Amino acid sequence: MSGSGFRKLSSAKLLVAAALIAIFSGAVVGLSVGYVVHYSAPATRIFYLFDGTVPFDESMFYGHPHDTFVPDTITVDKGDHVVIHYVNIEDIGEAHTYTMDPPYTFDATVYGNATQQGVVGTYPNVGNVVLSQGQNATITFTASWAGTFRYYCAYHQPTMTGYLVVIG
């Protein structure tokens, strides 16, 4: 009767076999994690933001217009440089704000019209900017904190609210 096949292998051969199996297994796990967890370098993300309206009675909100932000969600990765071109496209003489909740602040340049002609003002490191009818603002910041953060018009709550979603 012959003994088991393992008794015929030397301990050196068993160690080599175990090392090869470990290396192969590690490579397979490493490659699969690389596909699942994908890191992308920070990028510049550009968005165009407008005011819109929802179709219901204005008297619901104490006479305030039922304005909204379009889009109402902006999604970026942590570390991205964000550029938002916000245009007040109201057909009546109505102002709107672009206001962000802390910890975010932004730099803003406000232009006299939608074609970015005539700088009205430059505002560094602010949390709020006001746009009159027809004005355009270029809003820039770096998405430094992960989470969900509100942006809104201080004049038209609660409907004119959007969210910055920072993944990371």
Protein backbone atom coordinates (compact mmCIF):
# COMPACT_ATOMS: atom_id res chain seq x y z
CA MET A 1 0.00 0.00 0.00
CA SER A 2 1.38 3.35 -0.93
CA GLY A 3 1.23 6.45 1.29
CA SER A 4 -0.51 9.68 0.43
CA GLY A 5 0.91 11.93 -2.27
CA PHE A 6 1.65 14.69 0.23
CA ARG A 7 4.20 12.58 2.10
CA LYS A 8 6.26 12.29 -1.06
CA LEU A 9 6.48 16.11 -1.45
CA SER A 10 9.28 17.86 0.33
CA SER A 11 8.53 20.81 2.57
CA ALA A 12 10.35 23.09 0.12
CA LYS A 13 8.02 22.05 -2.71
CA LEU A 14 4.98 22.62 -0.46
CA LEU A 15 6.21 26.11 0.42
CA VAL A 16 6.76 26.96 -3.25
CA ALA A 17 3.27 25.68 -4.15
CA ALA A 18 1.70 27.68 -1.28
CA ALA A 19 3.59 30.82 -2.33
CA LEU A 20 2.43 30.46 -5.96
CA ILE A 21 -1.17 29.99 -4.85
CA ALA A 22 -0.92 33.08 -2.58
CA ILE A 23 0.60 35.19 -5.36
CA PHE A 24 -2.07 34.12 -7.86
CA SER A 25 -4.90 34.73 -5.35
CA GLY A 26 -3.52 38.15 -4.43
CA ALA A 27 -3.27 39.14 -8.08
CA VAL A 28 -6.88 38.10 -8.75
CA VAL A 29 -8.18 40.01 -5.69
CA GLY A 30 -6.07 43.06 -6.55
CA LEU A 31 -7.34 43.20 -10.12
CA SER A 32 -10.96 42.80 -9.06
CA VAL A 33 -10.69 45.54 -6.45
CA GLY A 34 -9.14 47.77 -9.11
CA TYR A 35 -12.26 47.37 -11.23
CA VAL A 36 -14.63 47.96 -8.33
CA VAL A 37 -12.82 50.91 -6.71
CA HIS A 38 -11.97 53.30 -9.50
CA TYR A 39 -10.25 56.55 -8.60
CA SER A 40 -10.59 59.40 -11.01
CA ALA A 41 -8.37 62.43 -10.78
CA PRO A 42 -10.08 65.74 -9.98
CA ALA A 43 -11.57 67.37 -13.05
CA THR A 44 -13.31 70.60 -13.98
CA ARG A 45 -17.08 70.05 -14.05
CA ILE A 46 -19.18 72.67 -15.87
CA PHE A 47 -22.92 73.10 -15.27
CA TYR A 48 -25.57 75.45 -16.65
CA LEU A 49 -28.20 76.47 -14.11
CA PHE A 50 -31.45 78.31 -14.83
CA ASP A 51 -34.56 79.34 -12.97
CA GLY A 52 -37.80 77.61 -13.86
CA THR A 53 -41.36 77.46 -12.58
CA VAL A 54 -43.68 74.73 -11.36
CA PRO A 55 -47.33 74.68 -12.47
CA PHE A 56 -49.38 75.40 -9.36
CA ASP A 57 -51.10 78.31 -7.65
CA GLU A 58 -48.70 80.99 -6.34
CA SER A 59 -50.97 81.77 -3.41
CA MET A 60 -49.80 78.53 -1.79
CA PHE A 61 -46.53 80.25 -0.93
CA TYR A 62 -47.82 83.56 0.40
CA GLY A 63 -47.74 85.28 -2.97
CA HIS A 64 -44.16 84.27 -3.80
CA PRO A 65 -43.59 82.85 -7.28
CA HIS A 66 -43.21 79.11 -7.50
CA ASP A 67 -39.71 79.20 -8.96
CA THR A 68 -37.27 76.29 -9.09
CA PHE A 69 -33.68 75.62 -10.09
CA VAL A 70 -33.08 73.63 -13.27
CA PRO A 71 -31.30 71.30 -12.68
CA ASP A 72 -32.04 70.87 -8.99
CA THR A 73 -29.16 68.43 -8.39
CA ILE A 74 -25.49 68.80 -9.29
CA THR A 75 -23.26 65.76 -8.71
CA VAL A 76 -19.46 65.94 -8.64
CA ASP A 77 -16.51 64.04 -7.16
CA LYS A 78 -14.60 65.30 -4.16
CA GLY A 79 -11.68 67.42 -5.38
CA ASP A 80 -13.40 68.52 -8.61
CA HIS A 81 -13.27 72.16 -9.65
CA VAL A 82 -16.90 73.19 -10.19
CA VAL A 83 -17.99 75.92 -12.62
CA ILE A 84 -21.67 76.89 -12.62
CA HIS A 85 -23.05 79.32 -15.20
CA TYR A 86 -26.28 80.55 -13.62
CA VAL A 87 -28.59 82.65 -15.80
CA ASN A 88 -31.68 84.45 -14.47
CA ILE A 89 -34.06 83.88 -17.39
CA GLU A 90 -37.14 85.41 -15.74
CA ASP A 91 -39.52 87.08 -18.16
CA ILE A 92 -40.48 89.59 -15.46
CA GLY A 93 -38.18 91.88 -13.46
CA GLU A 94 -37.51 89.46 -10.63
CA ALA A 95 -34.20 88.87 -8.84
CA HIS A 96 -32.88 85.53 -7.58
CA THR A 97 -30.01 84.56 -5.35
CA TYR A 98 -27.62 81.67 -5.60
CA THR A 99 -26.87 80.84 -1.97
CA MET A 100 -24.93 77.83 -0.66
CA ASP A 101 -25.02 76.35 2.82
CA PRO A 102 -21.75 76.22 4.76
CA PRO A 103 -19.08 74.95 4.63
CA TYR A 104 -19.09 75.96 0.96
CA THR A 105 -18.27 79.42 -0.33
CA PHE A 106 -17.54 80.38 -3.91
CA ASP A 107 -16.10 83.02 -6.20
CA ALA A 108 -18.62 84.73 -8.47
CA THR A 109 -18.46 87.05 -11.45
CA VAL A 110 -21.79 88.64 -12.36
CA TYR A 111 -22.36 89.80 -15.93
CA GLY A 112 -24.96 92.23 -17.25
CA ASN A 113 -26.46 89.71 -19.65
CA ALA A 114 -26.53 86.03 -20.60
CA THR A 115 -23.73 86.41 -23.15
CA GLN A 116 -21.30 87.40 -20.38
CA GLN A 117 -20.87 90.95 -21.65
CA GLY A 118 -20.28 93.74 -19.16
CA VAL A 119 -19.00 92.66 -15.76
CA VAL A 120 -21.33 93.97 -13.04
CA GLY A 121 -19.20 92.73 -10.15
CA THR A 122 -16.62 90.22 -8.94
CA TYR A 123 -17.19 88.60 -5.54
CA PRO A 124 -14.48 86.39 -3.99
CA ASN A 125 -15.18 83.84 -1.25
CA VAL A 126 -18.91 84.52 -0.77
CA GLY A 127 -21.89 82.32 0.09
CA ASN A 128 -24.52 84.36 -1.73
CA VAL A 129 -24.85 86.30 -4.98
CA VAL A 130 -27.90 88.20 -6.35
CA LEU A 131 -28.87 88.18 -10.03
CA SER A 132 -31.40 90.57 -11.53
CA GLN A 133 -33.52 89.61 -14.53
CA GLY A 134 -31.31 88.66 -17.49
CA GLN A 135 -28.03 88.61 -15.57
CA ASN A 136 -25.55 85.75 -15.65
CA ALA A 137 -23.12 84.64 -12.93
CA THR A 138 -20.11 82.39 -13.24
CA ILE A 139 -19.74 80.62 -9.89
CA THR A 140 -16.58 78.63 -9.14
CA PHE A 141 -15.36 76.54 -6.21
CA THR A 142 -13.56 73.30 -5.40
CA ALA A 143 -15.66 70.42 -4.04
CA SER A 144 -13.60 69.93 -0.88
CA TRP A 145 -16.18 68.21 1.37
CA ALA A 146 -18.11 65.03 0.58
CA GLY A 147 -21.83 64.95 1.28
CA THR A 148 -25.03 66.64 0.17
CA PHE A 149 -25.22 70.43 0.41
CA ARG A 150 -28.15 72.75 -0.30
CA TYR A 151 -28.12 75.66 -2.73
CA TYR A 152 -31.16 77.90 -2.89
CA CYS A 153 -32.71 81.26 -3.74
CA ALA A 154 -33.17 83.20 -0.51
CA TYR A 155 -36.23 84.96 -2.01
CA HIS A 156 -38.16 81.93 -3.26
CA GLN A 157 -38.23 79.28 -0.58
CA PRO A 158 -39.15 76.48 -0.32
CA THR A 159 -39.44 75.59 -4.01
CA MET A 160 -36.26 77.17 -5.36
CA THR A 161 -33.84 74.73 -3.74
CA GLY A 162 -31.27 72.41 -5.22
CA TYR A 163 -28.56 70.09 -3.96
CA LEU A 164 -24.84 69.72 -4.56
CA VAL A 165 -23.90 66.05 -4.15
CA VAL A 166 -20.17 65.51 -3.62
CA ILE A 167 -19.09 61.87 -3.89
CA GLY A 168 -15.89 60.89 -2.18
